[in-house]
């Protein structure tokens, strides 16, 4: 009876562990940190950012794919734009550079940036440069085709807390 109960407990824990890991791995957006800073902090005020995105010359001539961007700092503050594409405006054409103004919470130094592409055309960004208020610009060099439907980018952050 005791051994049977032990086996049942082991199988229950294994099933819970499997279910938990599948939920984590299918998250549509990776979590940078498990704790988020309280939005009532003074640093949660709004700031304006300029992004220049250069599309590689080896990218398709144009893309109709949906493109999203998220970037942030090591304290957990994040700027997220769910759609920066506009197929009718000839955005992200091969060998082009596009500039975007994005408003979001004020962050400290940008240390991570992720792009997400959803569609069938494909897209190969060469680089993304982020200009923020009172901070030096930072460039993230991609020069790789983005996978479809997943967040893809760089995280150079060291975890910090306020």
Foldseek 3Di string as FASTA:
>chain_A
DVVVVVVVVVVVVVVVVVVVVVVQVPPLAHQPDPDADPCVDPQQDKWKKKKKWFFALPAAQADPWFKKKKWAAQAHFMFIDRGPDDVVVRPQGHGDIDMDMGMGGHGDDIFKMKMATADDRWTAIQKMWMDTPPDDIDIFGTRDIDDHSHIDIGGRHDHDHD
